[in-house]
Amino acid sequence: MEIRLEVAKGPERGQVFVLAEPTTAIAGRHTDARFRFSEQDPYISRRHFLLELSPPRAYFRDLDVTNPSKINGRYVQEAELADGDLIEVGYTCLKVSLRAVKVAVPPPAPAPVKPPAAPVVKPAQPQRLAVACGCGQDLTARANHDGRACELRDVVSYACEKCLPKGDPVANRSVNDYTLLNAIGEGGMGTVYLAYHRPTARVVALKQMKIADRQLGARFEREIRLLQRVIHPHVLRCLDSGQAANNGQPYLVMEYAPLGSLDQLLTDQNSSLPKAIAVAYIIQALRGLGQIHQAGIVHRDLKPENLLLKKDPPGTTRVKIMDFGLAREFSRAGGSVLTRVGQAMGTLLYMPPEQIKDAHSVREPADLYSLGVTLYHLLTGQYPFNFPTPRDILRFLVENQGKFRSPEEALQHLIAIRKFKTPYLIVLEDEPIPIRQRQSAIPAELARIVDQAISKPVERRFQRAADFQQSLEAVYPRL
């Protein structure tokens, strides 16, 4: 599939811009714009709008607040594009064409020579793990139903039906063999539920993805099976995947981390975290991220919400990376990662500039930048840029009680009165604020590490998770 923008009216009439691979592209007059306009239309900004191609869909996001764009005569900030749409920016009008592109199919490979049959070896009987519910009911037979109880010994918990937590309005709704108990999280890619696997009595987390098309859902479900191969103590374990029988929506089953996320921890603390605790959590995350990178996966969506906390059997708290690789697979299956409607604006501030310019080609340093911003936020309670945090928005809501219907409406008001840039332009144009300007008590060596991790130029950052991890480990004993 490709998206073509033809200048139908304006100084550069007849010019055609083409995007033919799943990625993002900036349009404007700046030198880094992939779709670059000349100076002849002064009302086109340096970075005016963003396009995202996620076959079979294409998305538009306006980046300019001074000269807003129109689609089909209406002012819009973000939208899914359709064939024949007209985008107006300044004096220029662009006609949208979306079309499928035939991909050459290579000839089939010759059939392999069939080797002689190997002798049949009777497989060994899988080990059985004794499992009981907290109330004492024996669940051994159910837990070993699929032969995975020993493998998942320290990963999942078990319960009988009588001991399950009370459900919310989704209770008793099923997705194949799973009963949904409670909605525990909502994101741009899907909704996470506490769920119960009836055949094995396992309590798990199930993420149902926002992909309604059955064919796209099947493609997504096949691709996320690859993520189940990454097994590491600091990576949330992927247990199962499939498509809901009733609507074809793909789902991913994961281990359940009942302590919530680092984002929730920050909210509960209503402040920053102690230096030693913040650094210890990021060291753990970097260990897991190194394993993800070794598997050839770039996460692309690291942020406090995707770093979960879980108690180890000895009682220590362990960080678990979730959603690794999902952002890429979601965009491949037609989901928008950068321009999804209603996305929390703060999430964008964890993305490096190269991911906004071309999401398709980002590499490992992009994830290290995101973890650097996360560490900055844990240490200071703020972003490395001037933009309201969730805590700032909550404080503003309390100070203006009854004036706004939602945090999103309050944020839009804050942006207007304080003249904040959009997060896209902040990431592309503004330099990160050195961490010691936010928090002077940060030790100089730790500050140097954090500032290096969030450098805008890719070559100035850490290139490997191990390098970032070792730098933090060197300063950790002195915190």
Protein backbone atom coordinates (compact mmCIF):
# COMPACT_ATOMS: atom_id res chain seq x y z
CA MET A 1 0.00 0.00 0.00
CA GLU A 2 1.11 3.57 -0.63
CA ILE A 3 -0.19 7.05 0.10
CA ARG A 4 0.23 9.79 -2.50
CA LEU A 5 -0.26 13.49 -1.86
CA GLU A 6 -0.64 15.57 -5.03
CA VAL A 7 -0.56 19.35 -4.78
CA ALA A 8 -3.89 20.23 -6.42
CA LYS A 9 -3.72 23.96 -5.61
CA GLY A 10 -0.95 26.27 -4.50
CA PRO A 11 2.50 27.50 -5.55
CA GLU A 12 3.78 23.96 -6.14
CA ARG A 13 0.81 22.61 -8.04
CA GLY A 14 1.51 19.22 -9.63
CA GLN A 15 4.15 18.11 -7.16
CA VAL A 16 3.57 14.60 -5.78
CA PHE A 17 4.74 13.14 -2.46
CA VAL A 18 4.70 9.36 -1.96
CA LEU A 19 4.94 7.19 1.15
CA ALA A 20 5.20 3.52 0.24
CA GLU A 21 6.31 1.72 3.42
CA PRO A 22 4.86 1.52 6.94
CA THR A 23 6.45 4.51 8.65
CA THR A 24 5.94 8.13 9.64
CA ALA A 25 6.84 11.29 7.74
CA ILE A 26 6.86 15.00 8.54
CA ALA A 27 5.61 17.54 5.99
CA GLY A 28 6.66 21.18 6.07
CA ARG A 29 9.38 23.63 5.09
CA HIS A 30 12.12 22.38 7.44
CA THR A 31 15.17 20.63 6.00
CA ASP A 32 14.36 17.44 7.95
CA ALA A 33 10.81 17.23 6.50
CA ARG A 34 10.41 14.16 4.31
CA PHE A 35 7.67 15.96 2.36
CA ARG A 36 9.35 19.32 1.95
CA PHE A 37 7.64 22.45 0.67
CA SER A 38 9.38 25.58 -0.58
CA GLU A 39 9.15 29.06 0.95
CA GLN A 40 6.54 30.13 -1.62
CA ASP A 41 3.63 29.39 0.74
CA PRO A 42 4.47 31.33 3.96
CA TYR A 43 1.53 29.77 5.84
CA ILE A 44 3.05 26.28 5.69
CA SER A 45 5.08 25.87 8.87
CA ARG A 46 8.55 24.39 9.17
CA ARG A 47 7.02 21.17 10.53
CA HIS A 48 3.33 21.43 9.69
CA PHE A 49 1.85 17.92 9.85
CA LEU A 50 2.71 14.28 10.34
CA LEU A 51 1.63 11.29 8.23
CA GLU A 52 1.67 7.70 9.42
CA LEU A 53 1.21 4.78 7.03
CA SER A 54 0.04 1.59 8.77
CA PRO A 55 -1.39 -0.57 5.96
CA PRO A 56 -4.25 -0.71 5.17
CA ARG A 57 -4.70 2.63 6.98
CA ALA A 58 -3.14 6.08 6.87
CA TYR A 59 -3.29 8.70 9.60
CA PHE A 60 -2.88 12.49 9.70
CA ARG A 61 -1.74 14.60 12.67
CA ASP A 62 -1.55 18.41 12.54
CA LEU A 63 1.58 19.73 14.28
CA ASP A 64 0.91 23.45 13.89
CA VAL A 65 -1.33 25.43 16.23
CA THR A 66 -0.90 28.85 14.56
CA ASN A 67 -2.00 27.82 11.07
CA PRO A 68 -4.29 24.79 11.63
CA SER A 69 -4.96 22.39 8.79
CA LYS A 70 -8.27 21.40 7.24
CA ILE A 71 -9.43 18.09 5.80
CA ASN A 72 -12.38 18.34 3.41
CA GLY A 73 -13.06 21.89 4.61
CA ARG A 74 -13.04 21.13 8.35
CA TYR A 75 -10.36 22.00 10.88
CA VAL A 76 -8.90 18.78 12.26
CA GLN A 77 -6.06 17.91 14.58
CA GLU A 78 -5.89 14.21 13.82
CA ALA A 79 -7.79 11.84 11.56
CA GLU A 80 -7.68 8.62 9.60
CA LEU A 81 -7.33 9.48 5.92
CA ALA A 82 -9.52 8.15 3.11
CA ASP A 83 -8.90 8.00 -0.62
CA GLY A 84 -9.88 11.33 -2.22
CA ASP A 85 -9.54 13.45 0.94
CA LEU A 86 -8.39 17.06 0.46
CA ILE A 87 -5.84 18.44 2.96
CA GLU A 88 -5.54 22.23 3.13
CA VAL A 89 -2.36 23.74 4.62
CA GLY A 90 -1.84 27.45 4.10
CA TYR A 91 -2.62 28.31 0.48
CA THR A 92 -1.86 24.75 -0.58
CA CYS A 93 -4.39 21.96 -1.17
CA LEU A 94 -3.26 18.32 -1.32
CA LYS A 95 -5.32 15.47 -2.77
CA VAL A 96 -4.93 12.13 -1.01
CA SER A 97 -4.68 8.89 -2.98
CA LEU A 98 -4.50 5.55 -1.18
CA ARG A 99 -3.85 2.50 -3.25
CA ALA A 100 -2.70 -1.07 -2.88
CA VAL A 101 0.66 -2.00 -4.35
CA LYS A 102 1.20 -5.44 -5.80
CA VAL A 103 4.15 -7.21 -4.23
CA ALA A 104 6.08 -9.64 -6.40
CA VAL A 105 5.76 -13.17 -5.04
CA PRO A 106 8.95 -15.24 -5.44
CA PRO A 107 8.60 -18.65 -7.10
CA PRO A 108 8.15 -21.53 -4.68
CA ALA A 109 11.33 -23.19 -3.51
CA PRO A 110 11.93 -26.76 -4.71
CA ALA A 111 10.56 -29.39 -2.39
CA PRO A 112 13.22 -30.55 0.07
CA VAL A 113 14.51 -34.09 -0.15
CA LYS A 114 12.78 -36.10 2.54
CA PRO A 115 15.34 -37.57 4.96
CA PRO A 116 15.00 -41.15 6.15
CA ALA A 117 12.55 -41.54 9.00
CA ALA A 118 14.10 -41.23 12.44
CA PRO A 119 13.36 -43.88 15.03
CA VAL A 120 10.32 -43.05 17.14
CA VAL A 121 11.30 -42.04 20.67
CA LYS A 122 8.56 -42.01 23.26
CA PRO A 123 8.51 -38.55 24.88
CA ALA A 124 9.21 -38.35 28.58
CA GLN A 125 6.25 -37.71 30.83
CA PRO A 126 6.15 -34.03 31.87
CA GLN A 127 6.79 -33.31 35.52
CA ARG A 128 3.75 -32.56 37.65
CA LEU A 129 3.68 -29.66 40.08
CA ALA A 130 1.53 -29.85 43.18
CA VAL A 131 -0.75 -26.77 43.23
CA ALA A 132 -3.36 -25.69 45.77
CA CYS A 133 -5.61 -22.65 46.00
CA GLY A 134 -5.17 -20.31 48.95
CA CYS A 135 -8.29 -21.83 50.48
CA GLY A 136 -6.71 -25.29 50.38
CA GLN A 137 -8.56 -26.76 47.37
CA ASP A 138 -6.30 -29.07 45.35
CA LEU A 139 -5.76 -27.68 41.83
CA THR A 140 -2.94 -30.02 40.78
CA ALA A 141 -4.84 -31.78 38.00
CA ARG A 142 -6.06 -28.54 36.44
CA ALA A 143 -2.73 -26.72 36.79
CA ASN A 144 -0.93 -29.54 34.97
CA HIS A 145 -3.63 -29.82 32.29
CA ASP A 146 -1.32 -28.46 29.54
CA GLY A 147 1.97 -29.71 30.97
CA ARG A 148 3.29 -26.20 31.72
CA ALA A 149 2.87 -25.97 35.48
CA CYS A 150 6.57 -26.60 36.25
CA GLU A 151 7.69 -24.21 33.50
CA LEU A 152 5.49 -21.43 34.92
CA ARG A 153 6.23 -22.20 38.58
CA ASP A 154 7.35 -18.65 39.48
CA VAL A 155 5.31 -16.84 36.81
CA VAL A 156 1.61 -17.43 37.43
CA SER A 157 -0.73 -17.84 40.39
CA TYR A 158 -3.72 -20.15 40.74
CA ALA A 159 -7.17 -19.90 42.30
CA CYS A 160 -10.41 -21.81 42.44
CA GLU A 161 -13.58 -20.15 41.19
CA LYS A 162 -14.79 -19.34 44.72
CA CYS A 163 -11.61 -17.39 45.54
CA LEU A 164 -11.50 -15.20 42.44
CA PRO A 165 -11.73 -11.44 43.01
CA LYS A 166 -15.13 -9.83 42.60
CA GLY A 167 -15.60 -8.71 39.00
CA ASP A 168 -16.60 -5.38 37.54
CA PRO A 169 -19.16 -5.00 34.70
CA VAL A 170 -17.01 -7.15 32.36
CA ALA A 171 -17.13 -10.08 34.80
CA ASN A 172 -18.15 -13.39 33.25
CA ARG A 173 -17.51 -12.14 29.72
CA SER A 174 -15.31 -14.71 28.01
CA VAL A 175 -12.57 -14.64 25.41
CA ASN A 176 -12.26 -18.26 24.33
CA ASP A 177 -11.05 -20.20 27.43
CA TYR A 178 -10.51 -17.05 29.50
CA THR A 179 -13.05 -15.37 31.79
CA LEU A 180 -12.49 -11.61 32.08
CA LEU A 181 -12.66 -10.46 35.70
CA ASN A 182 -11.66 -6.79 35.83
CA ALA A 183 -10.38 -4.13 33.45
CA ILE A 184 -6.98 -3.14 34.88
CA GLY A 185 -5.55 -0.92 32.15
CA GLU A 186 -6.41 0.99 28.98
CA GLY A 187 -3.97 2.09 26.30
CA GLY A 188 -3.81 3.11 22.69
CA MET A 189 -3.23 -0.48 21.54
CA GLY A 190 -5.81 -2.24 23.68
CA THR A 191 -7.45 -2.96 27.03
CA VAL A 192 -5.83 -5.13 29.70
CA TYR A 193 -7.99 -7.37 31.87
CA LEU A 194 -7.37 -9.53 34.89
CA ALA A 195 -8.45 -12.89 33.53
CA TYR A 196 -8.96 -16.50 34.58
CA HIS A 197 -7.92 -19.46 32.42
CA ARG A 198 -10.63 -21.95 33.22
CA PRO A 199 -8.88 -25.20 32.09
CA THR A 200 -5.77 -24.59 34.25
CA ALA A 201 -7.16 -22.27 37.02
CA ARG A 202 -4.43 -19.69 36.25
CA VAL A 203 -4.87 -16.01 37.07
CA VAL A 204 -3.32 -13.97 34.25
CA ALA A 205 -3.47 -10.63 32.43
CA LEU A 206 -5.12 -10.60 29.00
CA LYS A 207 -4.62 -7.73 26.57
CA GLN A 208 -7.30 -7.49 23.89
CA MET A 209 -6.03 -5.48 20.93
CA LYS A 210 -7.97 -2.77 19.11
CA ILE A 211 -7.98 -4.46 15.72
CA ALA A 212 -11.47 -5.23 14.45
CA ASP A 213 -10.60 -6.74 11.05
CA ARG A 214 -10.38 -10.55 11.24
CA GLN A 215 -7.69 -10.83 8.55
CA LEU A 216 -5.54 -8.16 10.20
CA GLY A 217 -6.18 -9.80 13.54
CA ALA A 218 -4.92 -13.14 12.25
CA ARG A 219 -1.78 -11.49 10.91
CA PHE A 220 -1.16 -9.72 14.19
CA GLU A 221 -1.75 -12.89 16.21
CA ARG A 222 0.79 -14.82 14.09
CA GLU A 223 3.42 -12.14 14.51
CA ILE A 224 3.08 -11.73 18.28
CA ARG A 225 3.72 -15.44 18.72
CA LEU A 226 7.38 -14.55 18.07
CA LEU A 227 7.38 -12.40 21.23
CA GLN A 228 6.73 -15.49 23.36
CA ARG A 229 10.33 -16.57 22.71
CA VAL A 230 11.80 -13.79 24.85
CA ILE A 231 12.12 -15.17 28.39
CA HIS A 232 13.88 -13.08 31.02
CA PRO A 233 13.25 -12.27 34.71
CA HIS A 234 12.78 -8.57 33.85
CA VAL A 235 10.48 -9.09 30.85
CA LEU A 236 6.80 -9.79 31.41
CA ARG A 237 6.24 -13.36 30.27
CA CYS A 238 3.99 -13.88 27.22
CA LEU A 239 1.96 -17.03 27.90
CA ASP A 240 -0.49 -17.34 25.02
CA SER A 241 -2.05 -15.51 22.09
CA GLY A 242 -5.04 -16.01 19.85
CA GLN A 243 -8.14 -14.51 18.28
CA ALA A 244 -11.49 -14.15 20.03
CA ALA A 245 -13.95 -16.59 18.45
CA ASN A 246 -16.85 -14.12 18.51
CA ASN A 247 -15.23 -11.08 16.85
CA GLY A 248 -11.76 -12.04 15.63
CA GLN A 249 -9.98 -9.54 17.88
CA PRO A 250 -6.46 -10.70 18.69
CA TYR A 251 -5.38 -11.02 22.28
CA LEU A 252 -2.15 -11.58 24.18
CA VAL A 253 -2.00 -13.38 27.54
CA MET A 254 0.72 -12.32 29.99
CA GLU A 255 1.78 -12.96 33.55
CA TYR A 256 -0.04 -10.73 36.01
CA ALA A 257 1.97 -8.07 37.89
CA PRO A 258 -0.33 -7.04 40.77
CA LEU A 259 1.80 -4.14 42.04
CA GLY A 260 1.00 -2.03 38.99
CA SER A 261 3.37 0.19 37.00
CA LEU A 262 6.08 2.73 37.75
CA ASP A 263 3.61 5.35 36.55
CA GLN A 264 1.15 4.30 39.25
CA LEU A 265 3.97 4.29 41.82
CA LEU A 266 4.84 7.88 40.93
CA THR A 267 1.18 8.87 41.27
CA ASP A 268 0.91 7.17 44.66
CA GLN A 269 4.10 8.83 45.88
CA ASN A 270 2.90 12.20 44.56
CA SER A 271 6.57 13.02 44.09
CA SER A 272 9.81 11.75 42.63
CA LEU A 273 11.41 8.50 43.83
CA PRO A 274 14.53 8.24 46.01
CA LYS A 275 17.64 8.17 43.82
CA ALA A 276 18.75 4.65 44.78
CA ILE A 277 15.30 3.16 44.14
CA ALA A 278 14.84 4.93 40.78
CA VAL A 279 18.28 3.86 39.54
CA ALA A 280 17.79 0.27 40.76
CA TYR A 281 14.52 0.00 38.80
CA ILE A 282 16.10 1.28 35.58
CA ILE A 283 19.10 -1.08 35.98
CA GLN A 284 16.63 -3.95 36.13
CA ALA A 285 14.76 -2.64 33.08
CA LEU A 286 18.04 -2.37 31.14
CA ARG A 287 18.83 -6.02 31.89
CA GLY A 288 15.52 -7.05 30.37
CA LEU A 289 15.89 -4.62 27.47
CA GLY A 290 19.28 -6.09 26.60
CA GLN A 291 17.62 -9.50 26.17
CA ILE A 292 14.87 -7.96 24.01
CA HIS A 293 17.47 -6.30 21.79
CA GLN A 294 19.45 -9.54 21.49
CA ALA A 295 16.28 -11.12 20.10
CA GLY A 296 16.29 -8.47 17.35
CA ILE A 297 13.33 -6.53 18.78
CA VAL A 298 13.16 -2.78 19.35
CA HIS A 299 10.47 -1.93 21.91
CA ARG A 300 9.48 1.54 20.57
CA ASP A 301 7.11 2.34 23.46
CA LEU A 302 9.10 2.39 26.70
CA LYS A 303 7.60 4.61 29.40
CA PRO A 304 6.66 4.27 33.09
CA GLU A 305 3.27 2.70 32.21
CA ASN A 306 5.08 -0.19 30.46
CA LEU A 307 7.39 -0.96 33.40
CA LEU A 308 5.44 -3.16 35.81
CA LEU A 309 6.30 -4.25 39.36
CA LYS A 310 5.97 -7.72 40.84
CA LYS A 311 7.14 -9.39 44.06
CA ASP A 312 9.67 -12.20 43.70
CA PRO A 313 9.19 -15.35 45.81
CA PRO A 314 11.98 -14.09 48.19
CA GLY A 315 9.93 -10.88 48.58
CA THR A 316 11.98 -8.38 46.57
CA THR A 317 10.32 -6.11 44.01
CA ARG A 318 11.19 -6.81 40.38
CA VAL A 319 10.66 -4.60 37.31
CA LYS A 320 9.05 -6.28 34.29
CA ILE A 321 8.99 -4.75 30.80
CA MET A 322 5.64 -5.21 29.09
CA ASP A 323 4.41 -4.68 25.52
CA PHE A 324 7.86 -5.31 24.00
CA GLY A 325 7.63 -5.35 20.24
CA LEU A 326 3.86 -4.77 20.26
CA ALA A 327 4.13 -1.21 18.94
CA ARG A 328 5.84 -2.39 15.76
CA GLU A 329 3.52 -5.34 15.21
CA PHE A 330 0.47 -3.18 15.96
CA SER A 331 1.50 -0.64 13.31
CA ARG A 332 2.21 -3.43 10.80
CA ALA A 333 -1.33 -4.66 11.34
CA GLY A 334 -2.93 -1.30 10.63
CA GLY A 335 -2.92 0.26 14.09
CA SER A 336 -1.65 3.80 14.60
CA VAL A 337 1.02 4.16 17.27
CA LEU A 338 2.00 7.83 16.93
CA THR A 339 -1.27 9.41 15.89
CA ARG A 340 -3.90 7.40 17.72
CA VAL A 341 -6.79 9.60 18.75
CA GLY A 342 -6.93 10.43 22.44
CA GLN A 343 -3.36 9.38 23.16
CA ALA A 344 -1.99 10.93 26.35
CA MET A 345 0.24 13.74 25.12
CA GLY A 346 2.86 13.08 27.78
CA THR A 347 3.56 9.65 26.25
CA LEU A 348 5.06 11.34 23.21
CA LEU A 349 7.71 13.02 25.37
CA TYR A 350 9.35 9.62 25.96
CA MET A 351 9.92 9.17 22.20
CA PRO A 352 13.20 10.20 20.57
CA PRO A 353 13.06 12.64 17.65
CA GLU A 354 14.04 10.01 15.07
CA GLN A 355 10.97 7.95 15.97
CA ILE A 356 8.65 10.83 15.09
CA LYS A 357 10.51 11.49 11.83
CA ASP A 358 10.62 7.84 10.71
CA ALA A 359 9.16 5.27 13.10
CA HIS A 360 10.08 2.40 10.78
CA SER A 361 13.85 2.75 11.02
CA VAL A 362 14.51 3.34 14.72
CA ARG A 363 17.14 1.17 16.40
CA GLU A 364 18.25 0.27 19.93
CA PRO A 365 19.38 3.81 20.98
CA ALA A 366 15.74 4.91 20.64
CA ASP A 367 14.77 2.58 23.50
CA LEU A 368 17.71 3.80 25.58
CA TYR A 369 16.54 7.40 25.09
CA SER A 370 13.06 6.41 26.33
CA LEU A 371 14.49 4.73 29.43
CA GLY A 372 16.66 7.82 29.98
CA VAL A 373 13.55 10.05 29.95
CA THR A 374 11.86 7.56 32.30
CA LEU A 375 14.78 7.76 34.75
CA TYR A 376 14.73 11.58 34.51
CA HIS A 377 11.01 11.54 35.39
CA LEU A 378 11.50 9.11 38.29
CA LEU A 379 14.28 11.30 39.75
CA THR A 380 12.60 14.70 39.30
CA GLY A 381 8.86 14.09 38.88
CA GLN A 382 9.06 16.11 35.64
CA TYR A 383 9.78 15.67 31.95
CA PRO A 384 13.07 16.90 30.44
CA PHE A 385 10.96 19.54 28.64
CA ASN A 386 8.53 22.24 29.71
CA PHE A 387 5.19 20.44 29.53
CA PRO A 388 2.61 19.58 32.22
CA THR A 389 2.93 16.19 33.90
CA PRO A 390 -0.15 14.22 35.03
CA ARG A 391 0.49 15.56 38.55
CA ASP A 392 0.55 19.15 37.24
CA ILE A 393 -2.76 18.57 35.48
CA LEU A 394 -4.33 17.05 38.61
CA ARG A 395 -3.18 20.03 40.69
CA PHE A 396 -4.65 22.41 38.09
CA LEU A 397 -7.96 20.51 38.21
CA VAL A 398 -8.09 20.81 42.01
CA GLU A 399 -7.33 24.53 41.84
CA ASN A 400 -10.08 25.00 39.25
CA GLN A 401 -12.65 22.58 40.59
CA GLY A 402 -15.78 22.27 38.47
CA LYS A 403 -14.41 24.23 35.50
CA PHE A 404 -13.28 21.26 33.39
CA ARG A 405 -15.00 18.00 32.53
CA SER A 406 -11.83 15.92 32.17
CA PRO A 407 -8.02 16.01 32.57
CA GLU A 408 -7.74 16.23 28.76
CA GLU A 409 -9.87 19.39 28.70
CA ALA A 410 -7.79 20.89 31.52
CA LEU A 411 -4.58 20.08 29.62
CA GLN A 412 -5.87 21.75 26.45
CA HIS A 413 -6.64 24.85 28.52
CA LEU A 414 -3.16 24.78 30.08
CA ILE A 415 -1.57 24.50 26.63
CA ALA A 416 -3.57 27.49 25.40
CA ILE A 417 -2.95 29.85 28.34
CA ARG A 418 0.72 28.97 28.83
CA LYS A 419 1.42 28.64 25.10
CA PHE A 420 3.05 25.22 25.26
CA LYS A 421 4.10 23.66 21.97
CA THR A 422 2.61 20.32 20.98
CA PRO A 423 4.69 17.37 22.27
CA TYR A 424 5.65 16.48 18.70
CA LEU A 425 7.31 19.85 18.16
CA ILE A 426 8.84 19.85 21.64
CA VAL A 427 10.64 16.57 20.93
CA LEU A 428 11.71 17.71 17.47
CA GLU A 429 12.82 21.25 18.33
CA ASP A 430 13.62 21.72 22.04
CA GLU A 431 16.78 20.69 23.85
CA PRO A 432 16.29 18.59 27.00
CA ILE A 433 16.68 20.55 30.24
CA PRO A 434 19.83 19.27 32.07
CA ILE A 435 18.66 17.24 35.04
CA ARG A 436 20.57 19.26 37.64
CA GLN A 437 18.59 22.34 36.60
CA ARG A 438 15.52 20.43 37.73
CA GLN A 439 17.06 18.81 40.80
CA SER A 440 20.38 20.23 42.01
CA ALA A 441 20.83 17.41 44.55
CA ILE A 442 21.39 14.86 41.77
CA PRO A 443 25.07 13.73 41.96
CA ALA A 444 27.15 15.05 39.06
CA GLU A 445 28.12 11.60 37.76
CA LEU A 446 24.51 10.38 37.73
CA ALA A 447 23.45 13.62 36.03
CA ARG A 448 26.06 13.07 33.32
CA ILE A 449 24.68 9.57 32.64
CA VAL A 450 21.06 10.75 32.45
CA ASP A 451 21.92 13.72 30.21
CA GLN A 452 23.87 11.44 27.87
CA ALA A 453 20.97 8.98 27.66
CA ILE A 454 18.54 11.71 26.52
CA SER A 455 20.84 13.43 24.02
CA LYS A 456 19.01 14.39 20.84
CA PRO A 457 21.80 13.25 18.44
CA VAL A 458 21.71 9.44 18.29
CA GLU A 459 25.52 9.15 18.19
CA ARG A 460 25.90 10.92 21.56
CA ARG A 461 23.66 8.47 23.42
CA PHE A 462 24.42 5.05 24.81
CA GLN A 463 24.38 2.58 21.94
CA ARG A 464 23.83 -0.62 23.93
CA ALA A 465 21.68 -1.41 26.96
CA ALA A 466 24.74 -2.99 28.63
CA ASP A 467 26.68 0.30 28.42
CA PHE A 468 23.86 2.29 30.04
CA GLN A 469 23.37 -0.43 32.66
CA GLN A 470 27.08 -0.61 33.59
CA SER A 471 27.31 3.18 33.92
CA LEU A 472 24.39 3.19 36.37
CA GLU A 473 25.78 0.20 38.29
CA ALA A 474 29.04 2.10 38.79
CA VAL A 475 27.32 5.04 40.56
CA TYR A 476 24.59 3.04 42.34
CA PRO A 477 26.63 2.09 45.47
CA ARG A 478 27.23 5.78 46.23
CA LEU A 479 23.57 6.88 46.05
